[in-house]
Amino acid sequence: MSVSENRLKDNYRRFSNEKLMRIASEDAARLRPEALVLLREELATRGLAEVATKTIEAQLREVSEAELTEYCALIQSQPCPTCHSAAQPLNATITSTVMSFLVMTTWKKKFVIACPACLDKLNHDASTTSVLLGWWGFPWGIIRTIQALNFNSKMSKTNRVAYPNELLKAFVLTNVGRIEAVRHAPIDLQGLIKATQLS
């Protein structure tokens, strides 16, 4: 075993179970093959191999259309992280907000998963904030505000579709390992969904 492999093995040994599971569920696809072998060995030593194997395999294989539909349905069936209602299936949007202060203009985009009513409200609130506070910077305030209003209008058109929109599908494909790790733990799954609002 090389020096770097010994160091990596020691690092994995020092990591907490939570940190190892995070690596398994989020970073496995980016690890070198030898690092992945060492990670699997450490997880097996701690009795976490069964759960971790599913999350690692979910990242390493191509997700089929049927699996994507299943993961999306799992996300959509959760209560809304904003209003806590389970009356409508969740979907995703991106809000665009512009704020200007004379010579400085900020333009922020935020990805959110929520129920259609909350998504509409979030897009509307982002547009309202942009209308009230976005114009005041020259020249970018006016330009960015118009762009944000158009962007929010475009995003809101897929908030109420009856199927998972492209943003939700992209979220699922990017986070398939994390979703697999918490699919049977509703509170953790809801935490994963809620975390999108905090990023």
C-alpha atoms as a PDB file:
ATOM      1  CA  MET A   1       0.000   0.000   0.000  1.00  0.00           C
ATOM      2  CA  SER A   2       1.432   3.411  -0.956  1.00  0.00           C
ATOM      3  CA  VAL A   3       2.018   6.256   1.499  1.00  0.00           C
ATOM      4  CA  SER A   4      -0.979   8.193   0.193  1.00  0.00           C
ATOM      5  CA  GLU A   5      -3.207   5.116   0.545  1.00  0.00           C
ATOM      6  CA  ASN A   6      -1.992   4.609   4.136  1.00  0.00           C
ATOM      7  CA  ARG A   7      -2.736   8.247   4.921  1.00  0.00           C
ATOM      8  CA  LEU A   8      -6.178   7.981   3.315  1.00  0.00           C
ATOM      9  CA  LYS A   9      -6.925   4.815   5.300  1.00  0.00           C
ATOM     10  CA  ASP A  10      -5.895   6.597   8.520  1.00  0.00           C
ATOM     11  CA  ASN A  11      -8.101   9.567   7.625  1.00  0.00           C
ATOM     12  CA  TYR A  12     -11.099   7.329   7.006  1.00  0.00           C
ATOM     13  CA  ARG A  13     -10.415   5.608  10.348  1.00  0.00           C
ATOM     14  CA  ARG A  14     -10.506   8.985  12.149  1.00  0.00           C
ATOM     15  CA  PHE A  15     -13.681  10.220  10.434  1.00  0.00           C
ATOM     16  CA  SER A  16     -17.014   9.960  12.232  1.00  0.00           C
ATOM     17  CA  ASN A  17     -19.728   7.637  10.905  1.00  0.00           C
ATOM     18  CA  GLU A  18     -21.664  10.703   9.714  1.00  0.00           C
ATOM     19  CA  LYS A  19     -18.723  12.040   7.733  1.00  0.00           C
ATOM     20  CA  LEU A  20     -18.040   8.654   6.122  1.00  0.00           C
ATOM     21  CA  MET A  21     -21.717   8.315   5.164  1.00  0.00           C
ATOM     22  CA  ARG A  22     -21.667  11.830   3.705  1.00  0.00           C
ATOM     23  CA  ILE A  23     -18.657  10.907   1.568  1.00  0.00           C
ATOM     24  CA  ALA A  24     -20.399   7.686   0.506  1.00  0.00           C
ATOM     25  CA  SER A  25     -23.633   9.472  -0.393  1.00  0.00           C
ATOM     26  CA  GLU A  26     -22.235  12.635  -1.996  1.00  0.00           C
ATOM     27  CA  ASP A  27     -18.676  12.103  -3.203  1.00  0.00           C
ATOM     28  CA  ALA A  28     -18.300   8.413  -4.112  1.00  0.00           C
ATOM     29  CA  ALA A  29     -18.582   9.042  -7.855  1.00  0.00           C
ATOM     30  CA  ARG A  30     -15.622  11.465  -7.698  1.00  0.00           C
ATOM     31  CA  LEU A  31     -13.280   9.228  -5.664  1.00  0.00           C
ATOM     32  CA  ARG A  32     -10.316   7.413  -7.202  1.00  0.00           C
ATOM     33  CA  PRO A  33     -10.934   3.643  -7.413  1.00  0.00           C
ATOM     34  CA  GLU A  34      -8.415   2.868  -4.664  1.00  0.00           C
ATOM     35  CA  ALA A  35      -9.985   5.499  -2.383  1.00  0.00           C
ATOM     36  CA  LEU A  36     -13.403   3.966  -2.999  1.00  0.00           C
ATOM     37  CA  VAL A  37     -12.090   0.518  -2.043  1.00  0.00           C
ATOM     38  CA  LEU A  38     -10.653   1.914   1.217  1.00  0.00           C
ATOM     39  CA  LEU A  39     -13.912   3.727   1.955  1.00  0.00           C
ATOM     40  CA  ARG A  40     -15.911   0.533   1.460  1.00  0.00           C
ATOM     41  CA  GLU A  41     -13.513  -1.370   3.728  1.00  0.00           C
ATOM     42  CA  GLU A  42     -13.843   1.184   6.536  1.00  0.00           C
ATOM     43  CA  LEU A  43     -17.625   1.244   6.223  1.00  0.00           C
ATOM     44  CA  ALA A  44     -17.699  -2.568   6.380  1.00  0.00           C
ATOM     45  CA  THR A  45     -15.518  -2.503   9.512  1.00  0.00           C
ATOM     46  CA  ARG A  46     -18.087  -0.216  11.165  1.00  0.00           C
ATOM     47  CA  GLY A  47     -21.075  -2.287  10.065  1.00  0.00           C
ATOM     48  CA  LEU A  48     -22.324   0.402   7.670  1.00  0.00           C
ATOM     49  CA  ALA A  49     -21.582  -1.447   4.433  1.00  0.00           C
ATOM     50  CA  GLU A  50     -25.152  -2.407   3.535  1.00  0.00           C
ATOM     51  CA  VAL A  51     -26.602   1.115   3.601  1.00  0.00           C
ATOM     52  CA  ALA A  52     -23.476   2.711   2.140  1.00  0.00           C
ATOM     53  CA  THR A  53     -23.275   0.220  -0.727  1.00  0.00           C
ATOM     54  CA  LYS A  54     -26.716   1.275  -1.974  1.00  0.00           C
ATOM     55  CA  THR A  55     -25.804   4.968  -1.908  1.00  0.00           C
ATOM     56  CA  ILE A  56     -22.445   4.372  -3.602  1.00  0.00           C
ATOM     57  CA  GLU A  57     -23.950   2.142  -6.290  1.00  0.00           C
ATOM     58  CA  ALA A  58     -26.696   4.707  -6.919  1.00  0.00           C
ATOM     59  CA  GLN A  59     -24.009   7.269  -7.788  1.00  0.00           C
ATOM     60  CA  LEU A  60     -21.847   4.966  -9.884  1.00  0.00           C
ATOM     61  CA  ARG A  61     -24.505   3.599 -12.204  1.00  0.00           C
ATOM     62  CA  GLU A  62     -26.613   5.381 -14.761  1.00  0.00           C
ATOM     63  CA  VAL A  63     -30.088   6.089 -13.427  1.00  0.00           C
ATOM     64  CA  SER A  64     -32.803   4.602 -15.633  1.00  0.00           C
ATOM     65  CA  GLU A  65     -35.932   6.528 -16.584  1.00  0.00           C
ATOM     66  CA  ALA A  66     -37.993   4.295 -14.288  1.00  0.00           C
ATOM     67  CA  GLU A  67     -35.634   4.937 -11.356  1.00  0.00           C
ATOM     68  CA  LEU A  68     -35.646   8.676 -12.039  1.00  0.00           C
ATOM     69  CA  THR A  69     -39.454   8.620 -11.995  1.00  0.00           C
ATOM     70  CA  GLU A  70     -39.403   6.678  -8.718  1.00  0.00           C
ATOM     71  CA  TYR A  71     -36.952   9.086  -7.039  1.00  0.00           C
ATOM     72  CA  CYS A  72     -38.940  12.100  -8.283  1.00  0.00           C
ATOM     73  CA  ALA A  73     -42.174  10.581  -6.960  1.00  0.00           C
ATOM     74  CA  LEU A  74     -40.498  10.052  -3.595  1.00  0.00           C
ATOM     75  CA  ILE A  75     -39.484  13.724  -3.431  1.00  0.00           C
ATOM     76  CA  GLN A  76     -42.862  14.935  -4.712  1.00  0.00           C
ATOM     77  CA  SER A  77     -44.759  12.939  -2.068  1.00  0.00           C
ATOM     78  CA  GLN A  78     -43.093  14.739   0.853  1.00  0.00           C
ATOM     79  CA  PRO A  79     -44.737  17.623   2.741  1.00  0.00           C
ATOM     80  CA  CYS A  80     -43.842  21.104   1.532  1.00  0.00           C
ATOM     81  CA  PRO A  81     -40.819  22.422   3.469  1.00  0.00           C
ATOM     82  CA  THR A  82     -42.330  25.925   3.419  1.00  0.00           C
ATOM     83  CA  CYS A  83     -46.006  25.476   4.368  1.00  0.00           C
ATOM     84  CA  HIS A  84     -45.835  21.813   5.543  1.00  0.00           C
ATOM     85  CA  SER A  85     -48.856  20.867   3.416  1.00  0.00           C
ATOM     86  CA  ALA A  86     -48.919  17.509   1.661  1.00  0.00           C
ATOM     87  CA  ALA A  87     -51.944  18.401  -0.477  1.00  0.00           C
ATOM     88  CA  GLN A  88     -49.983  18.919  -3.710  1.00  0.00           C
ATOM     89  CA  PRO A  89     -46.892  17.203  -5.122  1.00  0.00           C
ATOM     90  CA  LEU A  90     -43.675  19.159  -4.745  1.00  0.00           C
ATOM     91  CA  ASN A  91     -41.769  20.611  -7.659  1.00  0.00           C
ATOM     92  CA  ALA A  92     -38.802  22.941  -8.108  1.00  0.00           C
ATOM     93  CA  THR A  93     -38.091  26.475  -9.241  1.00  0.00           C
ATOM     94  CA  ILE A  94     -35.329  29.045  -9.268  1.00  0.00           C
ATOM     95  CA  THR A  95     -36.034  32.541  -7.988  1.00  0.00           C
ATOM     96  CA  SER A  96     -34.155  35.578  -9.246  1.00  0.00           C
ATOM     97  CA  THR A  97     -33.836  38.666  -7.052  1.00  0.00           C
ATOM     98  CA  VAL A  98     -32.123  41.967  -7.860  1.00  0.00           C
ATOM     99  CA  MET A  99     -31.276  44.669  -5.339  1.00  0.00           C
ATOM    100  CA  SER A 100     -29.443  47.883  -6.149  1.00  0.00           C
ATOM    101  CA  PHE A 101     -27.821  50.597  -4.103  1.00  0.00           C
ATOM    102  CA  LEU A 102     -26.787  53.397  -6.492  1.00  0.00           C
ATOM    103  CA  VAL A 103     -23.558  52.016  -7.980  1.00  0.00           C
ATOM    104  CA  MET A 104     -23.851  48.451  -6.656  1.00  0.00           C
ATOM    105  CA  THR A 105     -26.301  45.864  -7.979  1.00  0.00           C
ATOM    106  CA  THR A 106     -26.653  42.314  -6.642  1.00  0.00           C
ATOM    107  CA  TRP A 107     -28.408  39.553  -8.554  1.00  0.00           C
ATOM    108  CA  LYS A 108     -29.123  36.344  -6.664  1.00  0.00           C
ATOM    109  CA  LYS A 109     -30.638  33.117  -7.924  1.00  0.00           C
ATOM    110  CA  LYS A 110     -31.934  30.495  -5.542  1.00  0.00           C
ATOM    111  CA  PHE A 111     -33.053  26.909  -6.186  1.00  0.00           C
ATOM    112  CA  VAL A 112     -36.097  25.821  -4.162  1.00  0.00           C
ATOM    113  CA  ILE A 113     -38.254  22.712  -3.816  1.00  0.00           C
ATOM    114  CA  ALA A 114     -41.774  23.322  -2.489  1.00  0.00           C
ATOM    115  CA  CYS A 115     -45.461  22.914  -3.327  1.00  0.00           C
ATOM    116  CA  PRO A 116     -46.804  24.814  -6.365  1.00  0.00           C
ATOM    117  CA  ALA A 117     -48.508  27.502  -4.242  1.00  0.00           C
ATOM    118  CA  CYS A 118     -45.296  28.225  -2.331  1.00  0.00           C
ATOM    119  CA  LEU A 119     -43.220  28.185  -5.534  1.00  0.00           C
ATOM    120  CA  ASP A 120     -45.581  30.759  -7.058  1.00  0.00           C
ATOM    121  CA  LYS A 121     -45.276  32.906  -3.931  1.00  0.00           C
ATOM    122  CA  LEU A 122     -41.473  32.666  -3.915  1.00  0.00           C
ATOM    123  CA  ASN A 123     -41.241  33.693  -7.594  1.00  0.00           C
ATOM    124  CA  HIS A 124     -43.721  36.518  -6.948  1.00  0.00           C
ATOM    125  CA  ASP A 125     -41.839  37.726  -3.852  1.00  0.00           C
ATOM    126  CA  ALA A 126     -38.537  37.700  -5.761  1.00  0.00           C
ATOM    127  CA  SER A 127     -40.140  39.776  -8.519  1.00  0.00           C
ATOM    128  CA  THR A 128     -41.691  42.197  -6.006  1.00  0.00           C
ATOM    129  CA  THR A 129     -38.352  42.686  -4.239  1.00  0.00           C
ATOM    130  CA  SER A 130     -36.674  43.264  -7.602  1.00  0.00           C
ATOM    131  CA  VAL A 131     -39.307  45.821  -8.648  1.00  0.00           C
ATOM    132  CA  LEU A 132     -38.996  47.715  -5.358  1.00  0.00           C
ATOM    133  CA  LEU A 133     -35.227  47.526  -4.874  1.00  0.00           C
ATOM    134  CA  GLY A 134     -33.679  46.541  -8.190  1.00  0.00           C
ATOM    135  CA  TRP A 135     -34.012  49.684 -10.281  1.00  0.00           C
ATOM    136  CA  TRP A 136     -31.850  51.951  -8.149  1.00  0.00           C
ATOM    137  CA  GLY A 137     -28.445  51.065  -9.568  1.00  0.00           C
ATOM    138  CA  PHE A 138     -27.133  52.518 -12.812  1.00  0.00           C
ATOM    139  CA  PRO A 139     -26.832  50.997 -15.379  1.00  0.00           C
ATOM    140  CA  TRP A 140     -27.079  47.374 -14.197  1.00  0.00           C
ATOM    141  CA  GLY A 141     -30.014  47.832 -11.823  1.00  0.00           C
ATOM    142  CA  ILE A 142     -32.493  48.509 -14.609  1.00  0.00           C
ATOM    143  CA  ILE A 143     -31.084  45.814 -16.900  1.00  0.00           C
ATOM    144  CA  ARG A 144     -30.856  43.122 -14.197  1.00  0.00           C
ATOM    145  CA  THR A 145     -34.323  43.934 -12.834  1.00  0.00           C
ATOM    146  CA  ILE A 146     -35.900  43.389 -16.242  1.00  0.00           C
ATOM    147  CA  GLN A 147     -33.945  40.138 -16.593  1.00  0.00           C
ATOM    148  CA  ALA A 148     -35.063  38.971 -13.130  1.00  0.00           C
ATOM    149  CA  LEU A 149     -38.731  39.741 -13.854  1.00  0.00           C
ATOM    150  CA  ASN A 150     -38.577  37.816 -17.126  1.00  0.00           C
ATOM    151  CA  PHE A 151     -36.713  34.957 -15.455  1.00  0.00           C
ATOM    152  CA  ASN A 152     -39.222  34.641 -12.577  1.00  0.00           C
ATOM    153  CA  SER A 153     -42.115  34.718 -15.017  1.00  0.00           C
ATOM    154  CA  LYS A 154     -40.530  31.949 -17.086  1.00  0.00           C
ATOM    155  CA  MET A 155     -39.745  29.822 -14.018  1.00  0.00           C
ATOM    156  CA  SER A 156     -43.279  30.135 -12.625  1.00  0.00           C
ATOM    157  CA  LYS A 157     -44.735  28.524 -15.758  1.00  0.00           C
ATOM    158  CA  THR A 158     -43.551  25.071 -14.628  1.00  0.00           C
ATOM    159  CA  ASN A 159     -44.513  25.412 -10.951  1.00  0.00           C
ATOM    160  CA  ARG A 160     -47.923  23.793 -11.405  1.00  0.00           C
ATOM    161  CA  VAL A 161     -47.228  21.086 -13.956  1.00  0.00           C
ATOM    162  CA  ALA A 162     -48.574  17.667 -12.922  1.00  0.00           C
ATOM    163  CA  TYR A 163     -45.237  15.937 -13.504  1.00  0.00           C
ATOM    164  CA  PRO A 164     -41.697  16.553 -12.153  1.00  0.00           C
ATOM    165  CA  ASN A 165     -40.266  19.535 -14.010  1.00  0.00           C
ATOM    166  CA  GLU A 166     -36.740  19.568 -15.436  1.00  0.00           C
ATOM    167  CA  LEU A 167     -35.333  21.373 -12.390  1.00  0.00           C
ATOM    168  CA  LEU A 168     -36.608  18.682 -10.023  1.00  0.00           C
ATOM    169  CA  LYS A 169     -35.251  15.937 -12.298  1.00  0.00           C
ATOM    170  CA  ALA A 170     -31.841  17.650 -12.374  1.00  0.00           C
ATOM    171  CA  PHE A 171     -31.860  17.893  -8.567  1.00  0.00           C
ATOM    172  CA  VAL A 172     -32.647  14.172  -8.278  1.00  0.00           C
ATOM    173  CA  LEU A 173     -29.918  13.161 -10.747  1.00  0.00           C
ATOM    174  CA  THR A 174     -27.356  15.312  -8.943  1.00  0.00           C
ATOM    175  CA  ASN A 175     -28.335  14.006  -5.503  1.00  0.00           C
ATOM    176  CA  VAL A 176     -29.261  10.392  -6.205  1.00  0.00           C
ATOM    177  CA  GLY A 177     -26.731   9.073  -3.674  1.00  0.00           C
ATOM    178  CA  ARG A 178     -27.997  11.355  -0.924  1.00  0.00           C
ATOM    179  CA  ILE A 179     -31.625  10.495  -1.725  1.00  0.00           C
ATOM    180  CA  GLU A 180     -30.862   6.774  -1.660  1.00  0.00           C
ATOM    181  CA  ALA A 181     -29.160   7.170   1.717  1.00  0.00           C
ATOM    182  CA  VAL A 182     -32.283   8.715   3.303  1.00  0.00           C
ATOM    183  CA  ARG A 183     -35.117   7.250   1.230  1.00  0.00           C
ATOM    184  CA  HIS A 184     -36.395   5.161   4.181  1.00  0.00           C
ATOM    185  CA  ALA A 185     -35.907   7.955   6.744  1.00  0.00           C
ATOM    186  CA  PRO A 186     -38.678  10.518   6.076  1.00  0.00           C
ATOM    187  CA  ILE A 187     -37.316  13.140   8.492  1.00  0.00           C
ATOM    188  CA  ASP A 188     -33.852  13.007   6.893  1.00  0.00           C
ATOM    189  CA  LEU A 189     -35.382  13.102   3.402  1.00  0.00           C
ATOM    190  CA  GLN A 190     -37.408  16.177   4.361  1.00  0.00           C
ATOM    191  CA  GLY A 191     -34.215  17.696   5.774  1.00  0.00           C
ATOM    192  CA  LEU A 192     -32.482  17.141   2.443  1.00  0.00           C
ATOM    193  CA  ILE A 193     -35.339  18.891   0.629  1.00  0.00           C
ATOM    194  CA  LYS A 194     -35.451  21.746   3.139  1.00  0.00           C
ATOM    195  CA  ALA A 195     -31.695  22.244   2.812  1.00  0.00           C
ATOM    196  CA  THR A 196     -32.239  23.436  -0.771  1.00  0.00           C
ATOM    197  CA  GLN A 197     -33.904  26.549   0.622  1.00  0.00           C
ATOM    198  CA  LEU A 198     -30.912  27.351   2.808  1.00  0.00           C
ATOM    199  CA  SER A 199     -28.270  27.141   0.081  1.00  0.00           C
END
